PDB file of all heavy atoms in Angstrom:
ATOM      1  N   VAL A   1       0.867  -1.181   0.000  1.00  0.00           N
ATOM      2  CA  VAL A   1       0.000   0.000   0.000  1.00  0.00           C
ATOM      3  C   VAL A   1       0.899   1.225   0.000  1.00  0.00           C
ATOM      4  O   VAL A   1       1.885   1.291   0.755  1.00  0.00           O
ATOM      5  CB  VAL A   1      -0.936   0.021   1.218  1.00  0.00           C
ATOM      6  CG1 VAL A   1      -1.778   1.294   1.211  1.00  0.00           C
ATOM      7  CG2 VAL A   1      -1.842  -1.202   1.225  1.00  0.00           C
ATOM      8  N   GLY A   2       0.569   2.198  -0.843  1.00  0.00           N
ATOM      9  CA  GLY A   2       1.390   3.396  -0.932  1.00  0.00           C
ATOM     10  C   GLY A   2       0.568   4.645  -1.175  1.00  0.00           C
ATOM     11  O   GLY A   2      -0.519   4.593  -1.755  1.00  0.00           O
ATOM     12  N   VAL A   3       1.079   5.738  -0.724  1.00  0.00           N
ATOM     13  CA  VAL A   3       0.457   7.055  -0.911  1.00  0.00           C
ATOM     14  C   VAL A   3       1.562   8.025  -1.316  1.00  0.00           C
ATOM     15  O   VAL A   3       2.643   8.040  -0.706  1.00  0.00           O
ATOM     16  CB  VAL A   3      -0.238   7.543   0.370  1.00  0.00           C
ATOM     17  CG1 VAL A   3      -0.778   8.951   0.157  1.00  0.00           C
ATOM     18  CG2 VAL A   3      -1.351   6.605   0.768  1.00  0.00           C
ATOM     19  N   SER A   4       1.281   8.845  -2.340  1.00  0.00           N
ATOM     20  CA  SER A   4       2.259   9.847  -2.769  1.00  0.00           C
ATOM     21  C   SER A   4       1.543  11.138  -3.116  1.00  0.00           C
ATOM     22  O   SER A   4       0.393  11.123  -3.570  1.00  0.00           O
ATOM     23  CB  SER A   4       3.064   9.342  -3.971  1.00  0.00           C
ATOM     24  OG  SER A   4       2.225   9.181  -5.100  1.00  0.00           O
ATOM     25  N   MET A   5       2.249  12.237  -2.884  1.00  0.00           N
ATOM     26  CA  MET A   5       1.683  13.556  -3.164  1.00  0.00           C
ATOM     27  C   MET A   5       2.827  14.524  -3.439  1.00  0.00           C
ATOM     28  O   MET A   5       3.807  14.561  -2.690  1.00  0.00           O
ATOM     29  CB  MET A   5       0.853  14.056  -1.983  1.00  0.00           C
ATOM     30  CG  MET A   5       0.348  15.496  -2.146  1.00  0.00           C
ATOM     31  SD  MET A   5      -0.538  16.110  -0.703  1.00  0.00           S
ATOM     32  CE  MET A   5      -2.053  15.159  -0.843  1.00  0.00           C
ATOM     33  N   PRO A   6       2.722  15.348  -4.507  1.00  0.00           N
ATOM     34  CA  PRO A   6       3.749  16.362  -4.740  1.00  0.00           C
ATOM     35  C   PRO A   6       3.751  17.404  -3.623  1.00  0.00           C
ATOM     36  O   PRO A   6       2.700  17.721  -3.049  1.00  0.00           O
ATOM     37  CB  PRO A   6       3.343  16.990  -6.070  1.00  0.00           C
ATOM     38  CG  PRO A   6       2.413  16.015  -6.700  1.00  0.00           C
ATOM     39  CD  PRO A   6       1.722  15.313  -5.585  1.00  0.00           C
ATOM     40  N   ILE A   7       4.906  17.922  -3.331  1.00  0.00           N
ATOM     41  CA  ILE A   7       5.029  18.964  -2.305  1.00  0.00           C
ATOM     42  C   ILE A   7       5.023  20.320  -3.012  1.00  0.00           C
ATOM     43  O   ILE A   7       5.930  20.629  -3.799  1.00  0.00           O
ATOM     44  CB  ILE A   7       6.332  18.788  -1.501  1.00  0.00           C
ATOM     45  CG1 ILE A   7       6.327  17.422  -0.812  1.00  0.00           C
ATOM     46  CG2 ILE A   7       6.475  19.907  -0.478  1.00  0.00           C
ATOM     47  CD1 ILE A   7       7.615  17.115  -0.079  1.00  0.00           C
ATOM     48  N   PRO A   8       4.002  21.136  -2.776  1.00  0.00           N
ATOM     49  CA  PRO A   8       3.931  22.443  -3.462  1.00  0.00           C
ATOM     50  C   PRO A   8       4.899  23.453  -2.848  1.00  0.00           C
ATOM     51  O   PRO A   8       4.485  24.438  -2.208  1.00  0.00           O
ATOM     52  CB  PRO A   8       2.472  22.851  -3.273  1.00  0.00           C
ATOM     53  CG  PRO A   8       2.069  22.191  -1.994  1.00  0.00           C
ATOM     54  CD  PRO A   8       2.832  20.899  -1.923  1.00  0.00           C
ATOM     55  N   LEU A   9       6.146  23.189  -3.051  1.00  0.00           N
ATOM     56  CA  LEU A   9       7.152  24.046  -2.434  1.00  0.00           C
ATOM     57  C   LEU A   9       7.493  25.244  -3.320  1.00  0.00           C
ATOM     58  O   LEU A   9       7.574  26.376  -2.841  1.00  0.00           O
ATOM     59  CB  LEU A   9       8.410  23.214  -2.150  1.00  0.00           C
ATOM     60  CG  LEU A   9       9.549  23.939  -1.427  1.00  0.00           C
ATOM     61  CD1 LEU A   9       9.082  24.447  -0.069  1.00  0.00           C
ATOM     62  CD2 LEU A   9      10.751  23.014  -1.292  1.00  0.00           C
ATOM     63  N   PHE A  10       7.681  25.017  -4.617  1.00  0.00           N
ATOM     64  CA  PHE A  10       8.065  26.095  -5.532  1.00  0.00           C
ATOM     65  C   PHE A  10       6.906  26.478  -6.461  1.00  0.00           C
ATOM     66  O   PHE A  10       6.588  27.655  -6.612  1.00  0.00           O
ATOM     67  CB  PHE A  10       9.283  25.668  -6.358  1.00  0.00           C
ATOM     68  CG  PHE A  10      10.447  25.245  -5.517  1.00  0.00           C
ATOM     69  CD1 PHE A  10      10.822  23.913  -5.454  1.00  0.00           C
ATOM     70  CD2 PHE A  10      11.156  26.173  -4.769  1.00  0.00           C
ATOM     71  CE1 PHE A  10      11.897  23.511  -4.681  1.00  0.00           C
ATOM     72  CE2 PHE A  10      12.234  25.783  -3.995  1.00  0.00           C
ATOM     73  CZ  PHE A  10      12.602  24.453  -3.938  1.00  0.00           C
ATOM     74  N   ASN A  11       6.317  25.477  -7.083  1.00  0.00           N
ATOM     75  CA  ASN A  11       5.240  25.723  -8.043  1.00  0.00           C
ATOM     76  C   ASN A  11       3.901  25.551  -7.347  1.00  0.00           C
ATOM     77  O   ASN A  11       3.484  24.435  -7.031  1.00  0.00           O
ATOM     78  CB  ASN A  11       5.360  24.761  -9.228  1.00  0.00           C
ATOM     79  CG  ASN A  11       4.269  24.991 -10.265  1.00  0.00           C
ATOM     80  OD1 ASN A  11       3.484  25.927 -10.164  1.00  0.00           O
ATOM     81  ND2 ASN A  11       4.225  24.128 -11.258  1.00  0.00           N
ATOM     82  N   ARG A  12       3.237  26.660  -7.090  1.00  0.00           N
ATOM     83  CA  ARG A  12       1.888  26.632  -6.515  1.00  0.00           C
ATOM     84  C   ARG A  12       0.875  27.240  -7.498  1.00  0.00           C
ATOM     85  O   ARG A  12      -0.142  27.777  -7.085  1.00  0.00           O
ATOM     86  CB  ARG A  12       1.872  27.391  -5.188  1.00  0.00           C
ATOM     87  CG  ARG A  12       2.755  26.763  -4.108  1.00  0.00           C
ATOM     88  CD  ARG A  12       2.615  27.479  -2.770  1.00  0.00           C
ATOM     89  NE  ARG A  12       3.043  28.867  -2.863  1.00  0.00           N
ATOM     90  CZ  ARG A  12       4.317  29.280  -2.766  1.00  0.00           C
ATOM     91  NH1 ARG A  12       5.281  28.380  -2.599  1.00  0.00           N
ATOM     92  NH2 ARG A  12       4.622  30.551  -2.861  1.00  0.00           N
ATOM     93  N   ASN A  13       1.210  27.167  -8.771  1.00  0.00           N
ATOM     94  CA  ASN A  13       0.340  27.653  -9.857  1.00  0.00           C
ATOM     95  C   ASN A  13       0.084  29.162  -9.755  1.00  0.00           C
ATOM     96  O   ASN A  13      -0.958  29.657 -10.178  1.00  0.00           O
ATOM     97  CB  ASN A  13      -0.997  26.885  -9.857  1.00  0.00           C
ATOM     98  CG  ASN A  13      -1.620  26.812 -11.235  1.00  0.00           C
ATOM     99  OD1 ASN A  13      -0.927  26.706 -12.235  1.00  0.00           O
ATOM    100  ND2 ASN A  13      -2.940  26.853 -11.294  1.00  0.00           N
ATOM    101  N   GLN A  14       1.080  29.869  -9.206  1.00  0.00           N
ATOM    102  CA  GLN A  14       0.883  31.301  -8.984  1.00  0.00           C
ATOM    103  C   GLN A  14       0.662  32.066 -10.289  1.00  0.00           C
ATOM    104  O   GLN A  14      -0.211  32.941 -10.374  1.00  0.00           O
ATOM    105  CB  GLN A  14       2.100  31.909  -8.252  1.00  0.00           C
ATOM    106  CG  GLN A  14       2.452  31.252  -6.948  1.00  0.00           C
ATOM    107  CD  GLN A  14       3.570  30.228  -7.113  1.00  0.00           C
ATOM    108  OE1 GLN A  14       3.514  29.404  -8.027  1.00  0.00           O
ATOM    109  NE2 GLN A  14       4.568  30.267  -6.248  1.00  0.00           N
ATOM    110  N   GLY A  15       1.455  31.736 -11.309  1.00  0.00           N
ATOM    111  CA  GLY A  15       1.346  32.472 -12.572  1.00  0.00           C
ATOM    112  C   GLY A  15      -0.004  32.285 -13.247  1.00  0.00           C
ATOM    113  O   GLY A  15      -0.606  33.248 -13.738  1.00  0.00           O
ATOM    114  N   ASN A  16      -0.499  31.057 -13.278  1.00  0.00           N
ATOM    115  CA  ASN A  16      -1.797  30.802 -13.914  1.00  0.00           C
ATOM    116  C   ASN A  16      -2.935  31.455 -13.136  1.00  0.00           C
ATOM    117  O   ASN A  16      -3.914  31.923 -13.736  1.00  0.00           O
ATOM    118  CB  ASN A  16      -2.036  29.304 -14.034  1.00  0.00           C
ATOM    119  CG  ASN A  16      -1.128  28.658 -15.063  1.00  0.00           C
ATOM    120  OD1 ASN A  16      -0.682  29.308 -16.000  1.00  0.00           O
ATOM    121  ND2 ASN A  16      -0.832  27.376 -14.879  1.00  0.00           N
ATOM    122  N   VAL A  17      -2.837  31.483 -11.818  1.00  0.00           N
ATOM    123  CA  VAL A  17      -3.864  32.149 -11.009  1.00  0.00           C
ATOM    124  C   VAL A  17      -3.880  33.645 -11.310  1.00  0.00           C
ATOM    125  O   VAL A  17      -4.954  34.258 -11.475  1.00  0.00           O
ATOM    126  CB  VAL A  17      -3.621  31.889  -9.514  1.00  0.00           C
ATOM    127  CG1 VAL A  17      -4.531  32.773  -8.656  1.00  0.00           C
ATOM    128  CG2 VAL A  17      -3.864  30.429  -9.186  1.00  0.00           C
ATOM    129  N   LEU A  18      -2.689  34.247 -11.384  1.00  0.00           N
ATOM    130  CA  LEU A  18      -2.625  35.678 -11.693  1.00  0.00           C
ATOM    131  C   LEU A  18      -3.191  35.966 -13.081  1.00  0.00           C
ATOM    132  O   LEU A  18      -3.958  36.926 -13.270  1.00  0.00           O
ATOM    133  CB  LEU A  18      -1.174  36.147 -11.604  1.00  0.00           C
ATOM    134  CG  LEU A  18      -0.922  37.620 -11.954  1.00  0.00           C
ATOM    135  CD1 LEU A  18      -1.689  38.535 -11.013  1.00  0.00           C
ATOM    136  CD2 LEU A  18       0.568  37.929 -11.947  1.00  0.00           C
ATOM    137  N   ALA A  19      -2.824  35.147 -14.080  1.00  0.00           N
ATOM    138  CA  ALA A  19      -3.326  35.363 -15.440  1.00  0.00           C
ATOM    139  C   ALA A  19      -4.841  35.212 -15.499  1.00  0.00           C
ATOM    140  O   ALA A  19      -5.536  36.014 -16.142  1.00  0.00           O
ATOM    141  CB  ALA A  19      -2.654  34.384 -16.396  1.00  0.00           C
ATOM    142  N   ALA A  20      -5.390  34.198 -14.819  1.00  0.00           N
ATOM    143  CA  ALA A  20      -6.842  33.997 -14.820  1.00  0.00           C
ATOM    144  C   ALA A  20      -7.550  35.147 -14.121  1.00  0.00           C
ATOM    145  O   ALA A  20      -8.632  35.580 -14.541  1.00  0.00           O
ATOM    146  CB  ALA A  20      -7.180  32.676 -14.140  1.00  0.00           C
ATOM    147  N   SER A  21      -6.957  35.667 -13.058  1.00  0.00           N
ATOM    148  CA  SER A  21      -7.556  36.797 -12.351  1.00  0.00           C
ATOM    149  C   SER A  21      -7.607  38.032 -13.243  1.00  0.00           C
ATOM    150  O   SER A  21      -8.620  38.746 -13.285  1.00  0.00           O
ATOM    151  CB  SER A  21      -6.759  37.088 -11.078  1.00  0.00           C
ATOM    152  OG  SER A  21      -7.273  38.227 -10.417  1.00  0.00           O
ATOM    153  N   ARG A  22      -6.527  38.276 -13.974  1.00  0.00           N
ATOM    154  CA  ARG A  22      -6.508  39.442 -14.858  1.00  0.00           C
ATOM    155  C   ARG A  22      -7.455  39.253 -16.044  1.00  0.00           C
ATOM    156  O   ARG A  22      -8.053  40.218 -16.534  1.00  0.00           O
ATOM    157  CB  ARG A  22      -5.074  39.682 -15.351  1.00  0.00           C
ATOM    158  CG  ARG A  22      -4.114  40.061 -14.235  1.00  0.00           C
ATOM    159  CD  ARG A  22      -4.556  41.347 -13.541  1.00  0.00           C
ATOM    160  NE  ARG A  22      -3.710  41.660 -12.391  1.00  0.00           N
ATOM    161  CZ  ARG A  22      -4.024  41.372 -11.128  1.00  0.00           C
ATOM    162  NH1 ARG A  22      -5.176  40.755 -10.853  1.00  0.00           N
ATOM    163  NH2 ARG A  22      -3.210  41.696 -10.145  1.00  0.00           N
ATOM    164  N   ARG A  23      -7.605  38.023 -16.518  1.00  0.00           N
ATOM    165  CA  ARG A  23      -8.570  37.784 -17.603  1.00  0.00           C
ATOM    166  C   ARG A  23      -9.995  38.040 -17.131  1.00  0.00           C
ATOM    167  O   ARG A  23     -10.829  38.538 -17.897  1.00  0.00           O
ATOM    168  CB  ARG A  23      -8.429  36.357 -18.133  1.00  0.00           C
ATOM    169  CG  ARG A  23      -7.317  36.196 -19.169  1.00  0.00           C
ATOM    170  CD  ARG A  23      -7.426  34.873 -19.897  1.00  0.00           C
ATOM    171  NE  ARG A  23      -7.083  33.757 -19.018  1.00  0.00           N
ATOM    172  CZ  ARG A  23      -5.870  33.248 -18.898  1.00  0.00           C
ATOM    173  NH1 ARG A  23      -4.868  33.767 -19.602  1.00  0.00           N
ATOM    174  NH2 ARG A  23      -5.637  32.232 -18.092  1.00  0.00           N
ATOM    175  N   ALA A  24     -10.293  37.696 -15.886  1.00  0.00           N
ATOM    176  CA  ALA A  24     -11.621  37.985 -15.346  1.00  0.00           C
ATOM    177  C   ALA A  24     -11.853  39.491 -15.254  1.00  0.00           C
ATOM    178  O   ALA A  24     -12.940  39.992 -15.577  1.00  0.00           O
ATOM    179  CB  ALA A  24     -11.779  37.328 -13.973  1.00  0.00           C
ATOM    180  N   ASP A  25     -10.832  40.226 -14.814  1.00  0.00           N
ATOM    181  CA  ASP A  25     -10.951  41.690 -14.785  1.00  0.00           C
ATOM    182  C   ASP A  25     -11.120  42.254 -16.189  1.00  0.00           C
ATOM    183  O   ASP A  25     -11.897  43.196 -16.412  1.00  0.00           O
ATOM    184  CB  ASP A  25      -9.711  42.298 -14.125  1.00  0.00           C
ATOM    185  CG  ASP A  25      -9.582  41.910 -12.655  1.00  0.00           C
ATOM    186  OD1 ASP A  25     -10.622  41.573 -12.043  1.00  0.00           O
ATOM    187  OD2 ASP A  25      -8.454  41.925 -12.129  1.00  0.00           O
ATOM    188  N   GLN A  26     -10.389  41.688 -17.133  1.00  0.00           N
ATOM    189  CA  GLN A  26     -10.507  42.134 -18.523  1.00  0.00           C
ATOM    190  C   GLN A  26     -11.912  41.892 -19.059  1.00  0.00           C
ATOM    191  O   GLN A  26     -12.467  42.719 -19.789  1.00  0.00           O
ATOM    192  CB  GLN A  26      -9.479  41.401 -19.379  1.00  0.00           C
ATOM    193  CG  GLN A  26      -9.462  41.837 -20.838  1.00  0.00           C
ATOM    194  CD  GLN A  26      -8.542  40.972 -21.676  1.00  0.00           C
ATOM    195  OE1 GLN A  26      -8.569  39.745 -21.584  1.00  0.00           O
ATOM    196  NE2 GLN A  26      -7.705  41.601 -22.481  1.00  0.00           N
ATOM    197  N   ALA A  27     -12.505  40.745 -18.704  1.00  0.00           N
ATOM    198  CA  ALA A  27     -13.861  40.439 -19.173  1.00  0.00           C
ATOM    199  C   ALA A  27     -14.863  41.465 -18.655  1.00  0.00           C
ATOM    200  O   ALA A  27     -15.814  41.825 -19.367  1.00  0.00           O
ATOM    201  CB  ALA A  27     -14.255  39.034 -18.730  1.00  0.00           C
ATOM    202  N   ARG A  28     -14.676  41.962 -17.439  1.00  0.00           N
ATOM    203  CA  ARG A  28     -15.584  42.983 -16.903  1.00  0.00           C
ATOM    204  C   ARG A  28     -15.469  44.283 -17.694  1.00  0.00           C
ATOM    205  O   ARG A  28     -16.488  44.921 -18.036  1.00  0.00           O
ATOM    206  CB  ARG A  28     -15.279  43.235 -15.427  1.00  0.00           C
ATOM    207  CG  ARG A  28     -15.554  42.043 -14.527  1.00  0.00           C
ATOM    208  CD  ARG A  28     -15.328  42.390 -13.061  1.00  0.00           C
ATOM    209  NE  ARG A  28     -15.526  41.219 -12.218  1.00  0.00           N
ATOM    210  CZ  ARG A  28     -14.567  40.386 -11.868  1.00  0.00           C
ATOM    211  NH1 ARG A  28     -13.315  40.593 -12.267  1.00  0.00           N
ATOM    212  NH2 ARG A  28     -14.832  39.332 -11.099  1.00  0.00           N
TER     213      ARG A  28
END
């Protein structure tokens, strides 16, 4: 039996979150 999970140490999807947030503002 095994369990594995990536450790979000460096990549926490920050860039994609920022881009999606700005696209939502742009849509308004």
